[in-house]
C-alpha atoms as a PDB file:
ATOM      1  CA  UNK A   1       0.108  -0.427  -0.208  1.00  0.00           C
ATOM      2  CA  UNK A   2       0.960   3.475  -0.868  1.00  0.00           C
ATOM      3  CA  UNK A   3       1.693   6.005   1.485  1.00  0.00           C
ATOM      4  CA  UNK A   4       0.189   9.269   0.810  1.00  0.00           C
ATOM      5  CA  UNK A   5       0.678  12.431   2.430  1.00  0.00           C
ATOM      6  CA  UNK A   6      -1.969  15.556   2.121  1.00  0.00           C
ATOM      7  CA  UNK A   7      -0.152  18.502   3.489  1.00  0.00           C
ATOM      8  CA  UNK A   8      -2.122  21.450   3.682  1.00  0.00           C
ATOM      9  CA  UNK A   9      -0.318  24.995   4.606  1.00  0.00           C
ATOM     10  CA  UNK A  10      -1.098  28.501   5.879  1.00  0.00           C
ATOM     11  CA  UNK A  11       1.098  29.910   4.356  1.00  0.00           C
ATOM     12  CA  UNK A  12       1.314  30.963   0.393  1.00  0.00           C
ATOM     13  CA  UNK A  13       3.567  28.799  -0.228  1.00  0.00           C
ATOM     14  CA  UNK A  14       3.955  25.005   0.664  1.00  0.00           C
ATOM     15  CA  UNK A  15       7.304  24.101   2.432  1.00  0.00           C
ATOM     16  CA  UNK A  16       9.498  22.010   0.177  1.00  0.00           C
ATOM     17  CA  UNK A  17      11.457  21.408   3.671  1.00  0.00           C
ATOM     18  CA  UNK A  18       8.234  20.076   5.138  1.00  0.00           C
ATOM     19  CA  UNK A  19       7.857  17.991   1.507  1.00  0.00           C
ATOM     20  CA  UNK A  20      11.650  16.520   1.475  1.00  0.00           C
ATOM     21  CA  UNK A  21      11.256  15.593   5.264  1.00  0.00           C
ATOM     22  CA  UNK A  22       7.844  13.477   4.588  1.00  0.00           C
ATOM     23  CA  UNK A  23       9.705  11.986   1.493  1.00  0.00           C
ATOM     24  CA  UNK A  24      12.873  11.032   4.069  1.00  0.00           C
ATOM     25  CA  UNK A  25      10.231   9.254   6.454  1.00  0.00           C
ATOM     26  CA  UNK A  26       8.964   7.300   3.986  1.00  0.00           C
ATOM     27  CA  UNK A  27       6.371   9.026   2.074  1.00  0.00           C
ATOM     28  CA  UNK A  28       5.751   7.822  -0.953  1.00  0.00           C
ATOM     29  CA  UNK A  29       3.384  11.210  -2.424  1.00  0.00           C
ATOM     30  CA  UNK A  30       2.976  14.728  -1.372  1.00  0.00           C
ATOM     31  CA  UNK A  31      -0.036  16.240  -2.201  1.00  0.00           C
ATOM     32  CA  UNK A  32       1.046  20.270  -1.221  1.00  0.00           C
ATOM     33  CA  UNK A  33      -1.339  22.781  -0.701  1.00  0.00           C
ATOM     34  CA  UNK A  34      -0.829  26.089  -0.078  1.00  0.00           C
ATOM     35  CA  UNK A  35      -2.354  29.723   1.270  1.00  0.00           C
ATOM     36  CA  UNK A  36      -5.177  27.068   3.186  1.00  0.00           C
ATOM     37  CA  UNK A  37      -7.407  28.711   6.187  1.00  0.00           C
ATOM     38  CA  UNK A  38      -8.267  26.975   8.752  1.00  0.00           C
ATOM     39  CA  UNK A  39     -12.006  27.205   8.513  1.00  0.00           C
ATOM     40  CA  UNK A  40     -11.355  25.254   4.862  1.00  0.00           C
ATOM     41  CA  UNK A  41     -10.060  22.548   6.705  1.00  0.00           C
ATOM     42  CA  UNK A  42     -12.676  19.690   7.916  1.00  0.00           C
ATOM     43  CA  UNK A  43     -11.804  16.387   9.955  1.00  0.00           C
END
């Protein structure tokens, strides 16, 4: 099974460092989105 990380970031651009760290931790795919507000995220 593939490990996918959805990276939601409040900053305008999602952090490349965070994405590299995720790959180093064994994630197969990172889907990064910047400019996300807290009220746009649900559980």
